[in-house]
Amino acid sequence: MGGISAKVEIVGLAELSQKITRMAAKTPDELTKALNMGALAVSSTAKSTVPVRTGTLRNSIHAIPAVKKGNDVVATVGTSMEYAPYVEFGTGVRGDATNDNPEVKVSYASDWAGQIAQPYLYPALQMNKDKINRLVAQAVIKAVRSNND
Protein backbone atom coordinates (compact mmCIF):
# COMPACT_ATOMS: atom_id res chain seq x y z
CA MET A 1 0.00 0.00 0.00
CA GLY A 2 1.47 3.34 -1.01
CA GLY A 3 1.46 6.42 1.18
CA ILE A 4 1.17 10.06 0.39
CA SER A 5 3.75 12.51 1.58
CA ALA A 6 4.08 16.22 1.27
CA LYS A 7 6.94 18.55 1.86
CA VAL A 8 6.26 22.05 3.16
CA GLU A 9 8.89 24.73 3.24
CA ILE A 10 8.32 27.93 5.18
CA VAL A 11 10.34 30.76 3.74
CA GLY A 12 11.22 33.63 6.06
CA LEU A 13 10.45 31.85 9.32
CA ALA A 14 13.57 33.19 11.03
CA GLU A 15 12.70 36.77 10.06
CA LEU A 16 9.12 36.32 11.26
CA SER A 17 10.35 34.94 14.56
CA GLN A 18 12.65 37.95 15.00
CA LYS A 19 9.79 40.37 14.24
CA ILE A 20 7.52 38.66 16.77
CA THR A 21 10.28 38.85 19.40
CA ARG A 22 10.82 42.58 18.72
CA MET A 23 7.07 43.21 18.83
CA ALA A 24 6.72 41.34 22.14
CA ALA A 25 9.52 43.46 23.58
CA LYS A 26 7.85 46.73 22.52
CA THR A 27 4.27 45.84 23.42
CA PRO A 28 4.62 46.23 27.24
CA ASP A 29 6.02 49.76 26.77
CA GLU A 30 3.11 50.73 24.54
CA LEU A 31 0.62 49.07 26.90
CA THR A 32 2.14 50.90 29.86
CA LYS A 33 1.60 54.23 28.11
CA ALA A 34 -1.97 53.29 27.17
CA LEU A 35 -2.86 52.11 30.66
CA ASN A 36 -1.37 55.23 32.23
CA MET A 37 -3.61 57.34 30.00
CA GLY A 38 -6.59 55.15 30.90
CA ALA A 39 -5.84 55.36 34.63
CA LEU A 40 -5.64 59.15 34.43
CA ALA A 41 -9.04 59.20 32.70
CA VAL A 42 -10.57 56.98 35.40
CA SER A 43 -9.01 59.11 38.14
CA SER A 44 -10.34 62.31 36.58
CA THR A 45 -13.84 60.85 36.21
CA ALA A 46 -13.82 59.53 39.79
CA LYS A 47 -12.78 62.96 41.10
CA SER A 48 -15.66 64.57 39.23
CA THR A 49 -18.26 62.09 40.51
CA VAL A 50 -17.18 61.39 44.12
CA PRO A 51 -19.52 62.84 46.76
CA VAL A 52 -17.84 65.86 48.34
CA ARG A 53 -18.18 66.94 51.93
CA THR A 54 -14.76 68.38 52.70
CA GLY A 55 -12.90 67.56 49.48
CA THR A 56 -10.39 65.30 51.25
CA LEU A 57 -11.57 62.11 49.56
CA ARG A 58 -11.72 63.76 46.12
CA ASN A 59 -8.21 65.18 46.54
CA SER A 60 -6.84 61.79 47.58
CA ILE A 61 -7.93 59.97 44.41
CA HIS A 62 -4.89 59.23 42.27
CA ALA A 63 -3.58 57.05 39.47
CA ILE A 64 -0.54 54.90 40.23
CA PRO A 65 1.67 54.51 37.14
CA ALA A 66 1.38 51.20 35.30
CA VAL A 67 3.98 48.55 36.01
CA LYS A 68 4.75 45.17 34.49
CA LYS A 69 3.89 42.29 36.83
CA GLY A 70 4.93 39.01 35.26
CA ASN A 71 3.11 38.85 31.93
CA ASP A 72 0.65 41.58 32.92
CA VAL A 73 0.78 45.35 32.82
CA VAL A 74 -1.23 46.85 35.70
CA ALA A 75 -2.33 50.42 36.43
CA THR A 76 -4.18 51.31 39.62
CA VAL A 77 -6.57 54.09 40.56
CA GLY A 78 -7.42 54.53 44.20
CA THR A 79 -7.25 56.45 47.41
CA SER A 80 -5.56 55.92 50.76
CA MET A 81 -8.45 57.31 52.78
CA GLU A 82 -9.60 54.69 55.31
CA TYR A 83 -13.26 55.59 54.87
CA ALA A 84 -13.22 55.40 51.04
CA PRO A 85 -14.63 51.82 50.89
CA TYR A 86 -17.54 52.87 53.13
CA VAL A 87 -18.43 55.63 50.69
CA GLU A 88 -18.01 53.37 47.63
CA PHE A 89 -19.89 50.35 48.98
CA GLY A 90 -22.02 51.76 51.80
CA THR A 91 -22.43 50.16 55.22
CA GLY A 92 -25.05 48.20 57.10
CA VAL A 93 -28.50 47.44 55.73
CA ARG A 94 -28.57 50.56 53.54
CA GLY A 95 -25.24 49.73 51.96
CA ASP A 96 -26.36 46.18 51.27
CA ALA A 97 -29.51 47.47 49.57
CA THR A 98 -27.74 50.11 47.44
CA ASN A 99 -24.42 48.55 46.40
CA ASP A 100 -24.82 47.63 42.71
CA ASN A 101 -21.21 46.61 42.08
CA PRO A 102 -21.34 43.02 40.81
CA GLU A 103 -17.54 42.60 40.85
CA VAL A 104 -16.91 43.05 44.58
CA LYS A 105 -18.49 40.94 47.30
CA VAL A 106 -19.03 42.96 50.48
CA SER A 107 -20.11 41.64 53.85
CA TYR A 108 -22.54 43.99 55.58
CA ALA A 109 -23.61 44.20 59.23
CA SER A 110 -27.32 43.46 59.35
CA ASP A 111 -27.92 44.85 62.82
CA TRP A 112 -27.75 48.57 61.96
CA ALA A 113 -29.03 50.92 59.27
CA GLY A 114 -25.65 52.19 58.05
CA GLN A 115 -25.18 54.45 55.04
CA ILE A 116 -26.08 54.10 51.38
CA ALA A 117 -23.45 53.22 48.78
CA GLN A 118 -22.17 56.23 46.84
CA PRO A 119 -19.93 54.60 44.24
CA TYR A 120 -17.42 56.72 42.35
CA LEU A 121 -14.48 54.44 41.44
CA TYR A 122 -16.39 51.56 39.86
CA PRO A 123 -18.63 53.87 37.79
CA ALA A 124 -15.54 55.84 36.70
CA LEU A 125 -13.98 52.61 35.43
CA GLN A 126 -17.19 51.62 33.64
CA MET A 127 -17.48 55.06 32.01
CA ASN A 128 -13.92 54.77 30.68
CA LYS A 129 -13.87 51.08 29.64
CA ASP A 130 -14.39 51.78 25.94
CA LYS A 131 -11.68 54.44 25.98
CA ILE A 132 -9.25 52.10 27.75
CA ASN A 133 -10.02 49.30 25.27
CA ARG A 134 -9.35 51.70 22.36
CA LEU A 135 -6.07 52.85 23.94
CA VAL A 136 -4.92 49.25 24.42
CA ALA A 137 -5.89 48.29 20.85
CA GLN A 138 -4.02 51.32 19.50
CA ALA A 139 -0.98 50.38 21.60
CA VAL A 140 -0.89 46.87 20.17
CA ILE A 141 -1.32 48.19 16.62
CA LYS A 142 1.48 50.68 17.20
CA ALA A 143 3.77 47.94 18.51
CA VAL A 144 3.01 45.78 15.48
CA ARG A 145 3.51 48.59 12.98
CA SER A 146 6.75 49.78 14.54
CA ASN A 147 8.21 46.32 13.82
CA ASN A 148 7.34 46.36 10.14
CA ASP A 149 10.35 48.51 9.30
C-alpha atoms as a PDB file:
ATOM      1  CA  MET A   1       0.000   0.000   0.000  1.00  0.00           C
ATOM      2  CA  GLY A   2       1.469   3.338  -1.012  1.00  0.00           C
ATOM      3  CA  GLY A   3       1.460   6.418   1.176  1.00  0.00           C
ATOM      4  CA  ILE A   4       1.169  10.064   0.386  1.00  0.00           C
ATOM      5  CA  SER A   5       3.749  12.513   1.579  1.00  0.00           C
ATOM      6  CA  ALA A   6       4.078  16.215   1.268  1.00  0.00           C
ATOM      7  CA  LYS A   7       6.942  18.552   1.862  1.00  0.00           C
ATOM      8  CA  VAL A   8       6.263  22.053   3.163  1.00  0.00           C
ATOM      9  CA  GLU A   9       8.889  24.733   3.235  1.00  0.00           C
ATOM     10  CA  ILE A  10       8.318  27.927   5.183  1.00  0.00           C
ATOM     11  CA  VAL A  11      10.337  30.758   3.738  1.00  0.00           C
ATOM     12  CA  GLY A  12      11.223  33.633   6.057  1.00  0.00           C
ATOM     13  CA  LEU A  13      10.453  31.845   9.321  1.00  0.00           C
ATOM     14  CA  ALA A  14      13.575  33.186  11.027  1.00  0.00           C
ATOM     15  CA  GLU A  15      12.704  36.769  10.056  1.00  0.00           C
ATOM     16  CA  LEU A  16       9.122  36.324  11.259  1.00  0.00           C
ATOM     17  CA  SER A  17      10.355  34.942  14.563  1.00  0.00           C
ATOM     18  CA  GLN A  18      12.652  37.951  15.003  1.00  0.00           C
ATOM     19  CA  LYS A  19       9.790  40.373  14.244  1.00  0.00           C
ATOM     20  CA  ILE A  20       7.524  38.661  16.770  1.00  0.00           C
ATOM     21  CA  THR A  21      10.277  38.846  19.398  1.00  0.00           C
ATOM     22  CA  ARG A  22      10.816  42.578  18.719  1.00  0.00           C
ATOM     23  CA  MET A  23       7.065  43.212  18.834  1.00  0.00           C
ATOM     24  CA  ALA A  24       6.722  41.340  22.135  1.00  0.00           C
ATOM     25  CA  ALA A  25       9.517  43.458  23.582  1.00  0.00           C
ATOM     26  CA  LYS A  26       7.847  46.729  22.520  1.00  0.00           C
ATOM     27  CA  THR A  27       4.273  45.836  23.422  1.00  0.00           C
ATOM     28  CA  PRO A  28       4.624  46.229  27.237  1.00  0.00           C
ATOM     29  CA  ASP A  29       6.020  49.760  26.772  1.00  0.00           C
ATOM     30  CA  GLU A  30       3.110  50.733  24.540  1.00  0.00           C
ATOM     31  CA  LEU A  31       0.617  49.065  26.903  1.00  0.00           C
ATOM     32  CA  THR A  32       2.142  50.902  29.856  1.00  0.00           C
ATOM     33  CA  LYS A  33       1.600  54.231  28.107  1.00  0.00           C
ATOM     34  CA  ALA A  34      -1.973  53.292  27.171  1.00  0.00           C
ATOM     35  CA  LEU A  35      -2.862  52.110  30.663  1.00  0.00           C
ATOM     36  CA  ASN A  36      -1.366  55.226  32.229  1.00  0.00           C
ATOM     37  CA  MET A  37      -3.610  57.340  29.996  1.00  0.00           C
ATOM     38  CA  GLY A  38      -6.592  55.145  30.903  1.00  0.00           C
ATOM     39  CA  ALA A  39      -5.839  55.357  34.627  1.00  0.00           C
ATOM     40  CA  LEU A  40      -5.643  59.150  34.427  1.00  0.00           C
ATOM     41  CA  ALA A  41      -9.045  59.203  32.701  1.00  0.00           C
ATOM     42  CA  VAL A  42     -10.571  56.976  35.404  1.00  0.00           C
ATOM     43  CA  SER A  43      -9.007  59.108  38.136  1.00  0.00           C
ATOM     44  CA  SER A  44     -10.340  62.306  36.579  1.00  0.00           C
ATOM     45  CA  THR A  45     -13.845  60.851  36.210  1.00  0.00           C
ATOM     46  CA  ALA A  46     -13.816  59.534  39.793  1.00  0.00           C
ATOM     47  CA  LYS A  47     -12.782  62.963  41.099  1.00  0.00           C
ATOM     48  CA  SER A  48     -15.659  64.574  39.229  1.00  0.00           C
ATOM     49  CA  THR A  49     -18.261  62.094  40.514  1.00  0.00           C
ATOM     50  CA  VAL A  50     -17.177  61.387  44.115  1.00  0.00           C
ATOM     51  CA  PRO A  51     -19.517  62.842  46.755  1.00  0.00           C
ATOM     52  CA  VAL A  52     -17.844  65.860  48.337  1.00  0.00           C
ATOM     53  CA  ARG A  53     -18.182  66.937  51.927  1.00  0.00           C
ATOM     54  CA  THR A  54     -14.757  68.375  52.700  1.00  0.00           C
ATOM     55  CA  GLY A  55     -12.896  67.560  49.480  1.00  0.00           C
ATOM     56  CA  THR A  56     -10.392  65.305  51.249  1.00  0.00           C
ATOM     57  CA  LEU A  57     -11.570  62.114  49.558  1.00  0.00           C
ATOM     58  CA  ARG A  58     -11.719  63.758  46.125  1.00  0.00           C
ATOM     59  CA  ASN A  59      -8.212  65.182  46.536  1.00  0.00           C
ATOM     60  CA  SER A  60      -6.837  61.791  47.579  1.00  0.00           C
ATOM     61  CA  ILE A  61      -7.928  59.970  44.406  1.00  0.00           C
ATOM     62  CA  HIS A  62      -4.887  59.227  42.269  1.00  0.00           C
ATOM     63  CA  ALA A  63      -3.576  57.046  39.475  1.00  0.00           C
ATOM     64  CA  ILE A  64      -0.540  54.901  40.226  1.00  0.00           C
ATOM     65  CA  PRO A  65       1.672  54.512  37.135  1.00  0.00           C
ATOM     66  CA  ALA A  66       1.376  51.199  35.302  1.00  0.00           C
ATOM     67  CA  VAL A  67       3.976  48.549  36.011  1.00  0.00           C
ATOM     68  CA  LYS A  68       4.750  45.168  34.486  1.00  0.00           C
ATOM     69  CA  LYS A  69       3.894  42.293  36.827  1.00  0.00           C
ATOM     70  CA  GLY A  70       4.928  39.012  35.256  1.00  0.00           C
ATOM     71  CA  ASN A  71       3.106  38.853  31.931  1.00  0.00           C
ATOM     72  CA  ASP A  72       0.646  41.582  32.918  1.00  0.00           C
ATOM     73  CA  VAL A  73       0.775  45.353  32.821  1.00  0.00           C
ATOM     74  CA  VAL A  74      -1.229  46.849  35.700  1.00  0.00           C
ATOM     75  CA  ALA A  75      -2.330  50.415  36.429  1.00  0.00           C
ATOM     76  CA  THR A  76      -4.179  51.307  39.617  1.00  0.00           C
ATOM     77  CA  VAL A  77      -6.569  54.091  40.557  1.00  0.00           C
ATOM     78  CA  GLY A  78      -7.423  54.528  44.204  1.00  0.00           C
ATOM     79  CA  THR A  79      -7.255  56.452  47.409  1.00  0.00           C
ATOM     80  CA  SER A  80      -5.560  55.918  50.756  1.00  0.00           C
ATOM     81  CA  MET A  81      -8.448  57.309  52.783  1.00  0.00           C
ATOM     82  CA  GLU A  82      -9.599  54.693  55.308  1.00  0.00           C
ATOM     83  CA  TYR A  83     -13.262  55.594  54.869  1.00  0.00           C
ATOM     84  CA  ALA A  84     -13.217  55.395  51.042  1.00  0.00           C
ATOM     85  CA  PRO A  85     -14.632  51.823  50.891  1.00  0.00           C
ATOM     86  CA  TYR A  86     -17.540  52.868  53.129  1.00  0.00           C
ATOM     87  CA  VAL A  87     -18.435  55.634  50.695  1.00  0.00           C
ATOM     88  CA  GLU A  88     -18.009  53.373  47.635  1.00  0.00           C
ATOM     89  CA  PHE A  89     -19.894  50.346  48.981  1.00  0.00           C
ATOM     90  CA  GLY A  90     -22.016  51.760  51.802  1.00  0.00           C
ATOM     91  CA  THR A  91     -22.427  50.162  55.221  1.00  0.00           C
ATOM     92  CA  GLY A  92     -25.048  48.204  57.100  1.00  0.00           C
ATOM     93  CA  VAL A  93     -28.498  47.443  55.726  1.00  0.00           C
ATOM     94  CA  ARG A  94     -28.572  50.564  53.543  1.00  0.00           C
ATOM     95  CA  GLY A  95     -25.238  49.726  51.959  1.00  0.00           C
ATOM     96  CA  ASP A  96     -26.362  46.178  51.268  1.00  0.00           C
ATOM     97  CA  ALA A  97     -29.509  47.474  49.571  1.00  0.00           C
ATOM     98  CA  THR A  98     -27.738  50.108  47.437  1.00  0.00           C
ATOM     99  CA  ASN A  99     -24.415  48.553  46.402  1.00  0.00           C
ATOM    100  CA  ASP A 100     -24.820  47.635  42.708  1.00  0.00           C
ATOM    101  CA  ASN A 101     -21.208  46.607  42.077  1.00  0.00           C
ATOM    102  CA  PRO A 102     -21.337  43.020  40.809  1.00  0.00           C
ATOM    103  CA  GLU A 103     -17.540  42.602  40.853  1.00  0.00           C
ATOM    104  CA  VAL A 104     -16.905  43.049  44.581  1.00  0.00           C
ATOM    105  CA  LYS A 105     -18.486  40.937  47.301  1.00  0.00           C
ATOM    106  CA  VAL A 106     -19.032  42.961  50.477  1.00  0.00           C
ATOM    107  CA  SER A 107     -20.107  41.637  53.851  1.00  0.00           C
ATOM    108  CA  TYR A 108     -22.543  43.993  55.581  1.00  0.00           C
ATOM    109  CA  ALA A 109     -23.605  44.202  59.230  1.00  0.00           C
ATOM    110  CA  SER A 110     -27.325  43.457  59.348  1.00  0.00           C
ATOM    111  CA  ASP A 111     -27.922  44.854  62.818  1.00  0.00           C
ATOM    112  CA  TRP A 112     -27.751  48.574  61.964  1.00  0.00           C
ATOM    113  CA  ALA A 113     -29.030  50.916  59.266  1.00  0.00           C
ATOM    114  CA  GLY A 114     -25.647  52.187  58.050  1.00  0.00           C
ATOM    115  CA  GLN A 115     -25.183  54.446  55.037  1.00  0.00           C
ATOM    116  CA  ILE A 116     -26.082  54.097  51.379  1.00  0.00           C
ATOM    117  CA  ALA A 117     -23.448  53.221  48.777  1.00  0.00           C
ATOM    118  CA  GLN A 118     -22.168  56.233  46.836  1.00  0.00           C
ATOM    119  CA  PRO A 119     -19.934  54.599  44.241  1.00  0.00           C
ATOM    120  CA  TYR A 120     -17.422  56.718  42.351  1.00  0.00           C
ATOM    121  CA  LEU A 121     -14.479  54.436  41.437  1.00  0.00           C
ATOM    122  CA  TYR A 122     -16.389  51.556  39.856  1.00  0.00           C
ATOM    123  CA  PRO A 123     -18.625  53.869  37.789  1.00  0.00           C
ATOM    124  CA  ALA A 124     -15.539  55.840  36.699  1.00  0.00           C
ATOM    125  CA  LEU A 125     -13.979  52.613  35.433  1.00  0.00           C
ATOM    126  CA  GLN A 126     -17.189  51.621  33.641  1.00  0.00           C
ATOM    127  CA  MET A 127     -17.479  55.062  32.012  1.00  0.00           C
ATOM    128  CA  ASN A 128     -13.921  54.771  30.675  1.00  0.00           C
ATOM    129  CA  LYS A 129     -13.867  51.081  29.642  1.00  0.00           C
ATOM    130  CA  ASP A 130     -14.392  51.776  25.936  1.00  0.00           C
ATOM    131  CA  LYS A 131     -11.685  54.438  25.977  1.00  0.00           C
ATOM    132  CA  ILE A 132      -9.251  52.105  27.749  1.00  0.00           C
ATOM    133  CA  ASN A 133     -10.019  49.299  25.271  1.00  0.00           C
ATOM    134  CA  ARG A 134      -9.353  51.701  22.365  1.00  0.00           C
ATOM    135  CA  LEU A 135      -6.074  52.849  23.937  1.00  0.00           C
ATOM    136  CA  VAL A 136      -4.921  49.252  24.421  1.00  0.00           C
ATOM    137  CA  ALA A 137      -5.889  48.287  20.854  1.00  0.00           C
ATOM    138  CA  GLN A 138      -4.017  51.321  19.503  1.00  0.00           C
ATOM    139  CA  ALA A 139      -0.977  50.382  21.603  1.00  0.00           C
ATOM    140  CA  VAL A 140      -0.895  46.871  20.175  1.00  0.00           C
ATOM    141  CA  ILE A 141      -1.321  48.187  16.623  1.00  0.00           C
ATOM    142  CA  LYS A 142       1.485  50.685  17.198  1.00  0.00           C
ATOM    143  CA  ALA A 143       3.773  47.944  18.514  1.00  0.00           C
ATOM    144  CA  VAL A 144       3.009  45.776  15.482  1.00  0.00           C
ATOM    145  CA  ARG A 145       3.511  48.588  12.976  1.00  0.00           C
ATOM    146  CA  SER A 146       6.755  49.776  14.540  1.00  0.00           C
ATOM    147  CA  ASN A 147       8.205  46.322  13.821  1.00  0.00           C
ATOM    148  CA  ASN A 148       7.336  46.362  10.140  1.00  0.00           C
ATOM    149  CA  ASP A 149      10.348  48.505   9.304  1.00  0.00           C
END
